[in-house]
N, C-alpha and C. Protein backbone atom coordinates (compact mmCIF):
# COMPACT_ATOMS: atom_id res chain seq x y z
N MET A 1 5.73 -40.54 -42.98
CA MET A 1 6.53 -40.01 -41.86
C MET A 1 7.41 -41.12 -41.31
N THR A 2 8.67 -40.84 -41.11
CA THR A 2 9.59 -41.85 -40.61
C THR A 2 9.32 -42.15 -39.14
N ALA A 3 9.87 -43.25 -38.68
CA ALA A 3 9.70 -43.64 -37.28
C ALA A 3 10.31 -42.59 -36.35
N ALA A 4 11.47 -42.04 -36.75
CA ALA A 4 12.14 -41.03 -35.93
C ALA A 4 11.27 -39.77 -35.83
N ALA A 5 10.63 -39.41 -36.95
CA ALA A 5 9.77 -38.22 -36.95
C ALA A 5 8.55 -38.43 -36.07
N VAL A 6 8.00 -39.64 -36.12
CA VAL A 6 6.84 -39.95 -35.28
C VAL A 6 7.22 -39.86 -33.81
N ILE A 7 8.37 -40.39 -33.45
CA ILE A 7 8.84 -40.36 -32.06
C ILE A 7 9.05 -38.91 -31.60
N ALA A 8 9.68 -38.12 -32.48
CA ALA A 8 9.93 -36.72 -32.14
C ALA A 8 8.62 -35.97 -31.92
N GLN A 9 7.63 -36.26 -32.78
CA GLN A 9 6.32 -35.61 -32.64
C GLN A 9 5.65 -35.99 -31.32
N ARG A 10 5.74 -37.27 -30.98
CA ARG A 10 5.11 -37.76 -29.75
C ARG A 10 5.81 -37.15 -28.53
N VAL A 11 7.14 -37.03 -28.59
CA VAL A 11 7.88 -36.43 -27.48
C VAL A 11 7.44 -34.98 -27.28
N ALA A 12 7.30 -34.26 -28.40
CA ALA A 12 6.86 -32.86 -28.32
C ALA A 12 5.46 -32.77 -27.72
N GLU A 13 4.58 -33.69 -28.12
CA GLU A 13 3.22 -33.71 -27.60
C GLU A 13 3.20 -33.99 -26.09
N PHE A 14 4.02 -34.96 -25.67
CA PHE A 14 4.12 -35.28 -24.25
C PHE A 14 4.66 -34.09 -23.46
N ARG A 15 5.66 -33.39 -24.04
CA ARG A 15 6.25 -32.23 -23.37
C ARG A 15 5.22 -31.12 -23.20
N ASP A 16 4.45 -30.86 -24.26
CA ASP A 16 3.42 -29.83 -24.19
C ASP A 16 2.34 -30.21 -23.18
N GLU A 17 1.97 -31.49 -23.19
CA GLU A 17 0.95 -31.95 -22.25
C GLU A 17 1.44 -31.83 -20.80
N ALA A 18 2.71 -32.16 -20.58
CA ALA A 18 3.28 -32.07 -19.24
C ALA A 18 3.32 -30.62 -18.76
N GLU A 19 3.69 -29.70 -19.67
CA GLU A 19 3.73 -28.29 -19.32
C GLU A 19 2.34 -27.76 -18.99
N THR A 20 1.35 -28.19 -19.77
CA THR A 20 -0.03 -27.78 -19.51
C THR A 20 -0.49 -28.27 -18.15
N GLN A 21 -0.18 -29.53 -17.85
CA GLN A 21 -0.56 -30.09 -16.55
C GLN A 21 0.14 -29.37 -15.42
N ALA A 22 1.42 -29.02 -15.62
CA ALA A 22 2.17 -28.31 -14.59
C ALA A 22 1.55 -26.93 -14.33
N GLN A 23 1.17 -26.24 -15.41
CA GLN A 23 0.55 -24.93 -15.26
C GLN A 23 -0.79 -25.03 -14.53
N GLU A 24 -1.56 -26.05 -14.88
CA GLU A 24 -2.85 -26.25 -14.22
C GLU A 24 -2.65 -26.57 -12.74
N GLN A 25 -1.61 -27.34 -12.43
CA GLN A 25 -1.33 -27.68 -11.04
C GLN A 25 -0.91 -26.45 -10.25
N ARG A 26 -0.05 -25.60 -10.87
CA ARG A 26 0.37 -24.37 -10.21
C ARG A 26 -0.83 -23.45 -9.96
N ALA A 27 -1.71 -23.36 -10.97
CA ALA A 27 -2.89 -22.51 -10.82
C ALA A 27 -3.79 -23.02 -9.70
N ALA A 28 -3.94 -24.34 -9.62
CA ALA A 28 -4.78 -24.92 -8.57
C ALA A 28 -4.17 -24.69 -7.19
N THR A 29 -2.83 -24.80 -7.10
CA THR A 29 -2.15 -24.58 -5.82
C THR A 29 -2.30 -23.12 -5.38
N VAL A 30 -2.10 -22.19 -6.32
CA VAL A 30 -2.25 -20.77 -6.00
C VAL A 30 -3.66 -20.48 -5.52
N LYS A 31 -4.66 -21.04 -6.22
CA LYS A 31 -6.06 -20.82 -5.84
C LYS A 31 -6.33 -21.36 -4.44
N GLU A 32 -5.80 -22.54 -4.15
CA GLU A 32 -6.01 -23.14 -2.83
C GLU A 32 -5.40 -22.27 -1.73
N ILE A 33 -4.17 -21.81 -1.94
CA ILE A 33 -3.51 -20.97 -0.94
C ILE A 33 -4.26 -19.65 -0.78
N PHE A 34 -4.64 -19.06 -1.91
CA PHE A 34 -5.33 -17.77 -1.87
C PHE A 34 -6.67 -17.88 -1.13
N ASP A 35 -7.44 -18.90 -1.48
CA ASP A 35 -8.75 -19.08 -0.85
C ASP A 35 -8.60 -19.30 0.66
N ARG A 36 -7.55 -19.99 1.06
CA ARG A 36 -7.33 -20.24 2.48
C ARG A 36 -6.97 -18.94 3.22
N LEU A 37 -6.24 -18.05 2.53
CA LEU A 37 -5.83 -16.80 3.16
C LEU A 37 -6.93 -15.74 3.14
N ASP A 38 -7.76 -15.77 2.10
CA ASP A 38 -8.80 -14.75 1.91
C ASP A 38 -9.97 -15.01 2.85
N ASP A 39 -9.78 -14.67 4.12
CA ASP A 39 -10.77 -15.00 5.15
C ASP A 39 -12.14 -14.39 4.88
N ASN A 40 -12.17 -13.16 4.40
CA ASN A 40 -13.45 -12.47 4.23
C ASN A 40 -14.05 -12.64 2.82
N GLY A 41 -13.37 -13.41 1.98
CA GLY A 41 -13.89 -13.67 0.64
C GLY A 41 -13.98 -12.46 -0.24
N SER A 42 -13.10 -11.49 -0.03
CA SER A 42 -13.16 -10.24 -0.78
C SER A 42 -12.56 -10.37 -2.18
N GLY A 43 -11.78 -11.41 -2.41
CA GLY A 43 -11.12 -11.56 -3.70
C GLY A 43 -9.75 -10.92 -3.75
N SER A 44 -9.31 -10.33 -2.65
CA SER A 44 -7.96 -9.78 -2.54
C SER A 44 -7.50 -9.92 -1.10
N LEU A 45 -6.19 -9.87 -0.92
CA LEU A 45 -5.61 -10.04 0.42
C LEU A 45 -5.28 -8.69 1.02
N ASP A 46 -5.83 -8.44 2.20
CA ASP A 46 -5.52 -7.19 2.88
C ASP A 46 -4.28 -7.36 3.75
N ARG A 47 -3.96 -6.35 4.51
CA ARG A 47 -2.71 -6.34 5.27
C ARG A 47 -2.63 -7.52 6.26
N SER A 48 -3.70 -7.78 6.96
CA SER A 48 -3.68 -8.86 7.96
C SER A 48 -3.54 -10.22 7.28
N GLU A 49 -4.15 -10.37 6.11
CA GLU A 49 -4.08 -11.66 5.40
C GLU A 49 -2.69 -11.87 4.80
N VAL A 50 -2.07 -10.81 4.32
CA VAL A 50 -0.70 -10.93 3.82
C VAL A 50 0.27 -11.20 4.97
N ARG A 51 0.00 -10.62 6.12
CA ARG A 51 0.83 -10.91 7.29
C ARG A 51 0.79 -12.40 7.62
N SER A 52 -0.38 -12.99 7.53
CA SER A 52 -0.52 -14.43 7.78
C SER A 52 0.30 -15.24 6.78
N LEU A 53 0.28 -14.81 5.50
CA LEU A 53 1.08 -15.49 4.48
C LEU A 53 2.56 -15.43 4.81
N LEU A 54 3.06 -14.25 5.19
CA LEU A 54 4.48 -14.10 5.48
C LEU A 54 4.87 -14.87 6.75
N GLN A 55 3.97 -14.95 7.70
CA GLN A 55 4.25 -15.76 8.89
C GLN A 55 4.48 -17.21 8.51
N GLN A 56 3.65 -17.72 7.61
CA GLN A 56 3.79 -19.11 7.17
C GLN A 56 5.11 -19.32 6.43
N LEU A 57 5.50 -18.32 5.65
CA LEU A 57 6.76 -18.41 4.91
C LEU A 57 7.98 -18.20 5.81
N ASN A 58 7.74 -17.63 7.00
CA ASN A 58 8.83 -17.27 7.90
C ASN A 58 8.84 -18.13 9.16
N LYS A 59 8.37 -19.36 9.01
CA LYS A 59 8.37 -20.34 10.11
C LYS A 59 7.65 -19.82 11.35
N GLY A 60 6.55 -19.08 11.12
CA GLY A 60 5.73 -18.62 12.22
C GLY A 60 6.12 -17.27 12.81
N ALA A 61 7.28 -16.76 12.42
CA ALA A 61 7.74 -15.47 12.97
C ALA A 61 7.02 -14.32 12.26
N ASP A 62 6.64 -13.31 13.02
CA ASP A 62 5.96 -12.16 12.46
C ASP A 62 6.91 -11.31 11.61
N PRO A 63 6.46 -10.88 10.42
CA PRO A 63 7.26 -9.90 9.68
C PRO A 63 7.14 -8.55 10.38
N THR A 64 8.12 -7.69 10.18
CA THR A 64 8.00 -6.33 10.72
C THR A 64 6.98 -5.57 9.89
N GLU A 65 6.51 -4.47 10.43
CA GLU A 65 5.55 -3.65 9.68
C GLU A 65 6.17 -3.15 8.38
N GLU A 66 7.45 -2.83 8.42
CA GLU A 66 8.13 -2.35 7.22
C GLU A 66 8.24 -3.45 6.19
N GLU A 67 8.57 -4.66 6.61
CA GLU A 67 8.66 -5.78 5.69
C GLU A 67 7.31 -6.05 5.04
N LEU A 68 6.26 -5.99 5.85
CA LEU A 68 4.91 -6.24 5.35
C LEU A 68 4.52 -5.18 4.31
N THR A 69 4.77 -3.92 4.62
CA THR A 69 4.45 -2.84 3.69
C THR A 69 5.23 -3.00 2.39
N PHE A 70 6.50 -3.36 2.51
CA PHE A 70 7.35 -3.53 1.33
C PHE A 70 6.79 -4.60 0.41
N VAL A 71 6.46 -5.77 0.95
CA VAL A 71 5.94 -6.86 0.12
C VAL A 71 4.63 -6.45 -0.54
N MET A 72 3.76 -5.78 0.19
CA MET A 72 2.48 -5.39 -0.38
C MET A 72 2.65 -4.36 -1.49
N LYS A 73 3.59 -3.45 -1.33
CA LYS A 73 3.84 -2.47 -2.38
C LYS A 73 4.48 -3.12 -3.61
N MET A 74 5.39 -4.06 -3.37
CA MET A 74 6.08 -4.70 -4.48
C MET A 74 5.16 -5.62 -5.26
N ALA A 75 4.21 -6.28 -4.58
CA ALA A 75 3.39 -7.30 -5.23
C ALA A 75 1.99 -6.80 -5.58
N GLY A 76 1.65 -5.56 -5.19
CA GLY A 76 0.33 -5.05 -5.49
C GLY A 76 0.16 -4.69 -6.94
N GLU A 77 -1.02 -4.17 -7.27
CA GLU A 77 -1.29 -3.77 -8.65
C GLU A 77 -0.26 -2.73 -9.09
N GLY A 78 0.19 -2.84 -10.34
CA GLY A 78 1.21 -1.93 -10.85
C GLY A 78 2.56 -2.22 -10.26
N ALA A 79 2.85 -3.53 -10.05
CA ALA A 79 4.08 -3.91 -9.35
C ALA A 79 5.34 -3.53 -10.10
N VAL A 80 5.26 -3.34 -11.41
CA VAL A 80 6.45 -2.99 -12.18
C VAL A 80 6.28 -1.57 -12.73
N PRO A 81 6.88 -0.57 -12.08
CA PRO A 81 6.71 0.82 -12.54
C PRO A 81 7.52 1.07 -13.80
N PRO A 82 7.15 2.06 -14.59
CA PRO A 82 7.95 2.41 -15.77
C PRO A 82 9.27 3.02 -15.33
N PRO A 83 10.29 3.05 -16.21
CA PRO A 83 11.57 3.65 -15.84
C PRO A 83 11.37 5.06 -15.30
N GLY A 84 11.92 5.31 -14.14
CA GLY A 84 11.77 6.62 -13.51
C GLY A 84 10.46 6.79 -12.77
N GLY A 85 9.59 5.75 -12.85
CA GLY A 85 8.30 5.84 -12.18
C GLY A 85 8.43 5.69 -10.67
N ARG A 86 7.43 6.11 -9.96
CA ARG A 86 7.46 6.05 -8.51
C ARG A 86 6.64 4.87 -8.03
N ALA A 87 7.02 4.35 -6.88
CA ALA A 87 6.38 3.14 -6.37
C ALA A 87 5.29 3.42 -5.35
N ASP A 88 5.11 4.68 -4.94
CA ASP A 88 4.21 4.95 -3.84
C ASP A 88 2.74 4.93 -4.21
N THR A 89 2.41 4.63 -5.48
CA THR A 89 1.02 4.54 -5.88
C THR A 89 0.55 3.10 -5.98
N ARG A 90 1.37 2.19 -5.59
CA ARG A 90 1.00 0.78 -5.72
C ARG A 90 -0.10 0.39 -4.73
N SER A 91 -0.91 -0.55 -5.14
CA SER A 91 -2.02 -1.00 -4.32
C SER A 91 -1.50 -1.66 -3.04
N LEU A 92 -2.27 -1.49 -1.96
CA LEU A 92 -1.93 -2.14 -0.70
C LEU A 92 -2.83 -3.35 -0.46
N GLU A 93 -3.36 -3.90 -1.53
CA GLU A 93 -4.04 -5.19 -1.48
C GLU A 93 -3.47 -6.06 -2.58
N ILE A 94 -3.47 -7.37 -2.36
CA ILE A 94 -2.87 -8.28 -3.32
C ILE A 94 -3.94 -9.20 -3.89
N GLY A 95 -4.08 -9.19 -5.21
CA GLY A 95 -5.03 -10.06 -5.87
C GLY A 95 -4.43 -11.44 -6.11
N LYS A 96 -5.30 -12.34 -6.56
CA LYS A 96 -4.87 -13.72 -6.77
C LYS A 96 -3.73 -13.81 -7.78
N ASP A 97 -3.81 -12.98 -8.83
CA ASP A 97 -2.78 -13.03 -9.88
C ASP A 97 -1.41 -12.58 -9.37
N ASN A 98 -1.39 -11.86 -8.25
CA ASN A 98 -0.12 -11.35 -7.72
C ASN A 98 0.37 -12.10 -6.49
N LEU A 99 -0.32 -13.19 -6.15
CA LEU A 99 0.08 -13.93 -4.96
C LEU A 99 1.50 -14.47 -5.07
N MET A 100 1.83 -15.07 -6.21
CA MET A 100 3.16 -15.64 -6.37
C MET A 100 4.23 -14.55 -6.40
N ALA A 101 3.86 -13.35 -6.87
CA ALA A 101 4.82 -12.24 -6.84
C ALA A 101 5.17 -11.89 -5.39
N ALA A 102 4.17 -11.93 -4.51
CA ALA A 102 4.42 -11.65 -3.10
C ALA A 102 5.32 -12.71 -2.48
N VAL A 103 5.04 -13.97 -2.80
CA VAL A 103 5.85 -15.08 -2.28
C VAL A 103 7.29 -14.96 -2.78
N THR A 104 7.45 -14.70 -4.07
CA THR A 104 8.79 -14.57 -4.65
C THR A 104 9.55 -13.41 -4.04
N CYS A 105 8.87 -12.28 -3.89
CA CYS A 105 9.50 -11.09 -3.30
C CYS A 105 10.04 -11.40 -1.91
N TRP A 106 9.25 -12.08 -1.11
CA TRP A 106 9.67 -12.41 0.25
C TRP A 106 10.84 -13.40 0.26
N LYS A 107 10.76 -14.41 -0.59
CA LYS A 107 11.81 -15.42 -0.61
C LYS A 107 13.14 -14.85 -1.10
N VAL A 108 13.09 -13.96 -2.10
CA VAL A 108 14.32 -13.33 -2.59
C VAL A 108 14.95 -12.49 -1.48
N TYR A 109 14.12 -11.73 -0.79
CA TYR A 109 14.62 -10.91 0.32
C TYR A 109 15.24 -11.80 1.40
N GLN A 110 14.56 -12.87 1.77
CA GLN A 110 15.07 -13.76 2.81
C GLN A 110 16.38 -14.41 2.39
N SER A 111 16.47 -14.82 1.13
CA SER A 111 17.69 -15.50 0.68
C SER A 111 18.89 -14.57 0.67
N SER A 112 18.64 -13.27 0.51
CA SER A 112 19.75 -12.30 0.50
C SER A 112 20.38 -12.13 1.87
N PHE A 113 19.68 -12.57 2.92
CA PHE A 113 20.19 -12.43 4.28
C PHE A 113 20.13 -13.77 5.03
N ALA A 114 20.24 -14.86 4.26
CA ALA A 114 20.08 -16.18 4.86
C ALA A 114 21.28 -16.64 5.67
N GLY A 115 22.46 -16.14 5.40
CA GLY A 115 23.65 -16.59 6.11
C GLY A 115 24.79 -15.60 5.99
N GLU A 116 25.87 -15.87 6.65
CA GLU A 116 27.00 -14.95 6.69
C GLU A 116 27.60 -14.69 5.31
N LYS A 117 27.44 -15.63 4.39
CA LYS A 117 28.01 -15.46 3.05
C LYS A 117 27.00 -14.92 2.05
N SER A 118 25.79 -14.59 2.51
CA SER A 118 24.77 -14.03 1.63
C SER A 118 25.15 -12.60 1.27
N ILE A 119 24.77 -12.19 0.06
CA ILE A 119 25.19 -10.87 -0.43
C ILE A 119 24.68 -9.75 0.45
N GLY A 120 23.46 -9.87 0.95
CA GLY A 120 22.92 -8.81 1.80
C GLY A 120 23.69 -8.66 3.08
N VAL A 121 24.04 -9.77 3.70
CA VAL A 121 24.80 -9.73 4.95
C VAL A 121 26.17 -9.12 4.72
N ILE A 122 26.83 -9.53 3.65
CA ILE A 122 28.17 -9.02 3.34
C ILE A 122 28.14 -7.51 3.09
N LEU A 123 27.20 -7.06 2.27
CA LEU A 123 27.15 -5.64 1.92
C LEU A 123 26.76 -4.77 3.11
N PHE A 124 25.81 -5.22 3.91
CA PHE A 124 25.40 -4.40 5.04
C PHE A 124 26.46 -4.38 6.14
N LYS A 125 27.19 -5.46 6.29
CA LYS A 125 28.30 -5.44 7.26
C LYS A 125 29.35 -4.42 6.84
N LYS A 126 29.58 -4.32 5.54
CA LYS A 126 30.64 -3.44 5.03
C LYS A 126 30.21 -1.99 5.02
N PHE A 127 28.96 -1.72 4.62
CA PHE A 127 28.54 -0.34 4.40
C PHE A 127 27.56 0.19 5.44
N ASP A 128 27.14 -0.67 6.35
CA ASP A 128 26.31 -0.25 7.48
C ASP A 128 26.98 -0.74 8.76
N PRO A 129 28.16 -0.21 9.07
CA PRO A 129 28.95 -0.74 10.19
C PRO A 129 28.26 -0.62 11.55
N GLU A 130 27.33 0.31 11.69
CA GLU A 130 26.62 0.47 12.96
C GLU A 130 25.36 -0.37 13.04
N SER A 131 25.13 -1.18 12.02
CA SER A 131 24.00 -2.12 11.99
C SER A 131 22.66 -1.43 12.21
N THR A 132 22.45 -0.34 11.48
CA THR A 132 21.17 0.36 11.58
C THR A 132 20.07 -0.33 10.77
N GLY A 133 20.49 -1.15 9.79
CA GLY A 133 19.52 -1.78 8.92
C GLY A 133 19.18 -0.95 7.70
N TYR A 134 19.89 0.18 7.54
CA TYR A 134 19.64 1.08 6.42
C TYR A 134 20.96 1.56 5.84
N LEU A 135 20.93 1.89 4.55
CA LEU A 135 22.05 2.56 3.92
C LEU A 135 21.64 4.00 3.64
N GLU A 136 22.29 4.93 4.33
CA GLU A 136 22.03 6.34 4.05
C GLU A 136 22.66 6.68 2.70
N LYS A 137 22.42 7.88 2.21
CA LYS A 137 22.81 8.23 0.85
C LYS A 137 24.31 8.08 0.63
N ASP A 138 25.12 8.51 1.60
CA ASP A 138 26.57 8.40 1.43
C ASP A 138 27.02 6.94 1.46
N GLN A 139 26.35 6.13 2.27
CA GLN A 139 26.69 4.71 2.33
C GLN A 139 26.27 4.01 1.04
N LEU A 140 25.11 4.40 0.52
CA LEU A 140 24.65 3.85 -0.76
C LEU A 140 25.64 4.19 -1.86
N GLU A 141 26.11 5.43 -1.87
CA GLU A 141 27.09 5.85 -2.87
C GLU A 141 28.34 5.00 -2.80
N ALA A 142 28.83 4.76 -1.58
CA ALA A 142 30.04 3.95 -1.41
C ALA A 142 29.81 2.52 -1.88
N MET A 143 28.64 1.97 -1.60
CA MET A 143 28.35 0.60 -2.01
C MET A 143 28.29 0.48 -3.53
N LEU A 144 27.60 1.40 -4.18
CA LEU A 144 27.47 1.35 -5.64
C LEU A 144 28.83 1.50 -6.32
N SER A 145 29.67 2.39 -5.78
CA SER A 145 31.00 2.57 -6.33
C SER A 145 31.81 1.29 -6.17
N ASP A 146 31.69 0.67 -5.02
CA ASP A 146 32.42 -0.58 -4.74
C ASP A 146 31.98 -1.69 -5.69
N LEU A 147 30.68 -1.77 -5.96
CA LEU A 147 30.17 -2.81 -6.85
C LEU A 147 30.70 -2.63 -8.28
N SER A 148 31.11 -1.39 -8.61
CA SER A 148 31.59 -1.11 -9.96
C SER A 148 33.10 -0.85 -10.00
N GLY A 149 33.81 -1.38 -9.00
CA GLY A 149 35.26 -1.27 -9.01
C GLY A 149 35.79 0.13 -8.81
N GLY A 150 35.08 0.94 -8.02
CA GLY A 150 35.55 2.28 -7.73
C GLY A 150 35.03 3.36 -8.66
N GLN A 151 34.10 3.00 -9.51
CA GLN A 151 33.53 3.98 -10.45
C GLN A 151 32.86 5.12 -9.69
N GLU A 152 32.98 6.34 -10.23
CA GLU A 152 32.35 7.49 -9.61
C GLU A 152 30.83 7.36 -9.68
N VAL A 153 30.16 7.71 -8.59
CA VAL A 153 28.70 7.70 -8.53
C VAL A 153 28.24 9.14 -8.36
N THR A 154 27.52 9.65 -9.33
CA THR A 154 27.09 11.04 -9.30
C THR A 154 25.79 11.21 -8.51
N GLU A 155 25.44 12.47 -8.28
CA GLU A 155 24.18 12.76 -7.61
C GLU A 155 22.99 12.28 -8.45
N ASP A 156 23.11 12.42 -9.75
CA ASP A 156 22.04 11.94 -10.64
C ASP A 156 21.91 10.42 -10.55
N ASP A 157 23.06 9.74 -10.44
CA ASP A 157 23.03 8.27 -10.28
C ASP A 157 22.26 7.89 -9.02
N LEU A 158 22.58 8.56 -7.93
CA LEU A 158 21.93 8.25 -6.66
C LEU A 158 20.43 8.53 -6.72
N ASP A 159 20.08 9.64 -7.35
CA ASP A 159 18.66 9.98 -7.47
C ASP A 159 17.92 8.92 -8.28
N PHE A 160 18.56 8.42 -9.33
CA PHE A 160 17.95 7.38 -10.16
C PHE A 160 17.73 6.11 -9.34
N VAL A 161 18.76 5.68 -8.62
CA VAL A 161 18.65 4.45 -7.83
C VAL A 161 17.60 4.59 -6.75
N LEU A 162 17.59 5.71 -6.05
CA LEU A 162 16.60 5.91 -4.99
C LEU A 162 15.19 5.97 -5.56
N ASP A 163 15.03 6.60 -6.70
CA ASP A 163 13.70 6.69 -7.30
C ASP A 163 13.16 5.31 -7.65
N GLN A 164 14.06 4.43 -8.10
CA GLN A 164 13.66 3.08 -8.49
C GLN A 164 13.52 2.14 -7.30
N ALA A 165 14.39 2.30 -6.30
CA ALA A 165 14.50 1.28 -5.25
C ALA A 165 13.93 1.68 -3.90
N ASP A 166 13.80 2.95 -3.64
CA ASP A 166 13.32 3.40 -2.32
C ASP A 166 11.80 3.28 -2.26
N VAL A 167 11.33 2.06 -2.12
CA VAL A 167 9.89 1.78 -2.14
C VAL A 167 9.17 2.50 -1.01
N ASN A 168 9.79 2.58 0.16
CA ASN A 168 9.16 3.20 1.32
C ASN A 168 9.30 4.72 1.36
N ARG A 169 10.04 5.29 0.39
CA ARG A 169 10.16 6.73 0.23
C ARG A 169 10.64 7.46 1.49
N ASP A 170 11.71 6.91 2.09
CA ASP A 170 12.29 7.58 3.25
C ASP A 170 13.70 8.09 2.98
N GLY A 171 14.13 8.07 1.71
CA GLY A 171 15.41 8.63 1.34
C GLY A 171 16.60 7.78 1.65
N ARG A 172 16.40 6.52 1.91
CA ARG A 172 17.50 5.60 2.21
C ARG A 172 17.10 4.20 1.74
N ILE A 173 18.06 3.28 1.78
CA ILE A 173 17.81 1.91 1.32
C ILE A 173 17.82 0.96 2.50
N SER A 174 16.70 0.28 2.69
CA SER A 174 16.60 -0.72 3.75
C SER A 174 17.08 -2.07 3.23
N LYS A 175 17.15 -3.04 4.11
CA LYS A 175 17.56 -4.37 3.70
C LYS A 175 16.60 -4.94 2.65
N MET A 176 15.30 -4.67 2.83
CA MET A 176 14.33 -5.17 1.87
C MET A 176 14.53 -4.57 0.48
N GLU A 177 15.08 -3.35 0.43
CA GLU A 177 15.22 -2.64 -0.84
C GLU A 177 16.57 -2.85 -1.51
N LEU A 178 17.43 -3.64 -0.88
CA LEU A 178 18.79 -3.80 -1.39
C LEU A 178 18.83 -4.35 -2.81
N ASN A 179 18.09 -5.43 -3.08
CA ASN A 179 18.12 -6.03 -4.41
C ASN A 179 17.61 -5.06 -5.47
N GLN A 180 16.61 -4.26 -5.12
CA GLN A 180 16.09 -3.28 -6.07
C GLN A 180 17.15 -2.21 -6.36
N ALA A 181 17.91 -1.83 -5.32
CA ALA A 181 18.95 -0.81 -5.50
C ALA A 181 20.05 -1.32 -6.42
N ILE A 182 20.47 -2.56 -6.23
CA ILE A 182 21.52 -3.13 -7.08
C ILE A 182 21.04 -3.23 -8.52
N ALA A 183 19.81 -3.71 -8.70
CA ALA A 183 19.25 -3.82 -10.05
C ALA A 183 19.15 -2.45 -10.72
N ALA A 184 18.72 -1.46 -9.94
CA ALA A 184 18.59 -0.10 -10.50
C ALA A 184 19.94 0.47 -10.90
N TRP A 185 20.98 0.17 -10.12
CA TRP A 185 22.31 0.66 -10.45
C TRP A 185 22.81 0.10 -11.77
N TYR A 186 22.62 -1.20 -11.97
CA TYR A 186 23.07 -1.79 -13.23
C TYR A 186 22.20 -1.32 -14.40
N GLN A 187 20.93 -1.06 -14.13
CA GLN A 187 20.07 -0.49 -15.16
C GLN A 187 20.57 0.90 -15.54
N ARG A 188 20.96 1.68 -14.53
CA ARG A 188 21.49 3.02 -14.77
C ARG A 188 22.76 2.96 -15.62
N GLN A 189 23.65 2.05 -15.31
CA GLN A 189 24.88 1.92 -16.08
C GLN A 189 24.60 1.54 -17.53
N ASN A 190 23.64 0.64 -17.73
CA ASN A 190 23.29 0.25 -19.09
C ASN A 190 22.71 1.42 -19.88
N LEU A 191 21.87 2.22 -19.22
CA LEU A 191 21.29 3.39 -19.89
C LEU A 191 22.37 4.39 -20.29
N LEU A 192 23.30 4.64 -19.35
CA LEU A 192 24.37 5.59 -19.64
C LEU A 192 25.28 5.07 -20.76
N ALA A 193 25.53 3.77 -20.75
CA ALA A 193 26.38 3.19 -21.78
C ALA A 193 25.72 3.30 -23.16
N SER A 194 24.41 3.08 -23.21
CA SER A 194 23.71 3.17 -24.49
C SER A 194 23.66 4.61 -24.99
N GLU A 195 23.56 5.57 -24.05
CA GLU A 195 23.53 6.98 -24.45
C GLU A 195 24.91 7.44 -24.95
N ALA A 196 25.97 6.86 -24.37
CA ALA A 196 27.32 7.26 -24.74
C ALA A 196 27.79 6.61 -26.03
N ALA A 197 27.15 5.53 -26.44
CA ALA A 197 27.58 4.81 -27.64
C ALA A 197 27.31 5.67 -28.87
N PRO A 198 28.25 5.67 -29.81
CA PRO A 198 28.04 6.46 -31.05
C PRO A 198 26.87 5.90 -31.83
N PRO A 199 26.11 6.74 -32.49
CA PRO A 199 24.97 6.26 -33.29
C PRO A 199 25.45 5.36 -34.41
N LYS A 200 24.61 4.37 -34.72
CA LYS A 200 24.99 3.46 -35.79
C LYS A 200 25.03 4.21 -37.12
N THR A 201 26.09 3.94 -37.86
CA THR A 201 26.23 4.59 -39.16
C THR A 201 25.27 3.98 -40.16
N ARG A 202 24.48 4.84 -40.72
CA ARG A 202 23.52 4.34 -41.71
C ARG A 202 24.24 4.11 -43.05
N ARG A 203 23.91 3.03 -43.68
CA ARG A 203 24.48 2.76 -45.01
C ARG A 203 23.78 3.64 -46.04
N SER A 204 24.59 4.32 -46.80
CA SER A 204 24.00 5.17 -47.85
C SER A 204 24.13 4.47 -49.18
N SER A 205 23.08 4.56 -49.94
CA SER A 205 23.13 3.95 -51.28
C SER A 205 23.45 5.05 -52.29
N VAL A 206 24.47 4.85 -53.08
CA VAL A 206 24.91 5.83 -54.05
C VAL A 206 24.68 5.27 -55.45
N CYS A 207 23.99 6.04 -56.22
CA CYS A 207 23.74 5.63 -57.61
C CYS A 207 24.85 6.18 -58.50
N VAL A 208 25.57 5.32 -59.13
CA VAL A 208 26.68 5.75 -59.98
C VAL A 208 26.28 5.55 -61.42
N VAL A 209 26.35 6.64 -62.16
CA VAL A 209 26.01 6.57 -63.58
C VAL A 209 27.29 6.37 -64.38
N LEU A 210 27.34 5.33 -65.12
CA LEU A 210 28.53 5.04 -65.93
C LEU A 210 28.32 5.55 -67.34
């Protein structure tokens, strides 16, 4: 084995070892945070324990009841529903394996409304002019059309987006559900585009007898 090959092998070994150590460190950190939050030692976080987590992530400020419910539904068991699936069957307790999902969900939501130039702030200012904190169905339609350069949004499109993104099942999109609504809209467009594409032409083999 050449010297260059030996060096490359050692670099790969060091990289793998570093990744393993990083994973072990992340697992240890998650366990430490979870154990600290799990006051009753049940092995899962209930509503009050998740509220404590969000308070810590929110500089001590209490999350609203709606924000708390949203995070628990998004990060609970069955956090990723199948296409067209409903979200109202998700667990309202969070296990250790889903702790980071809860943290990520909250941070993504917060970053969307972190400042005047954040996408959430911009979109809600434009399509929720009365600052209700919600996009009703007609406002959602206008927003989705705007995101696609004026493309028509059908009733079926709206139903698809609401089914995927309306976690709280109140028929409208809250600030917490905005990112899910945008993702669902682009998913819908991709599905429609794939359905509209002509089927791939199969190559036929022809036997020619000379």
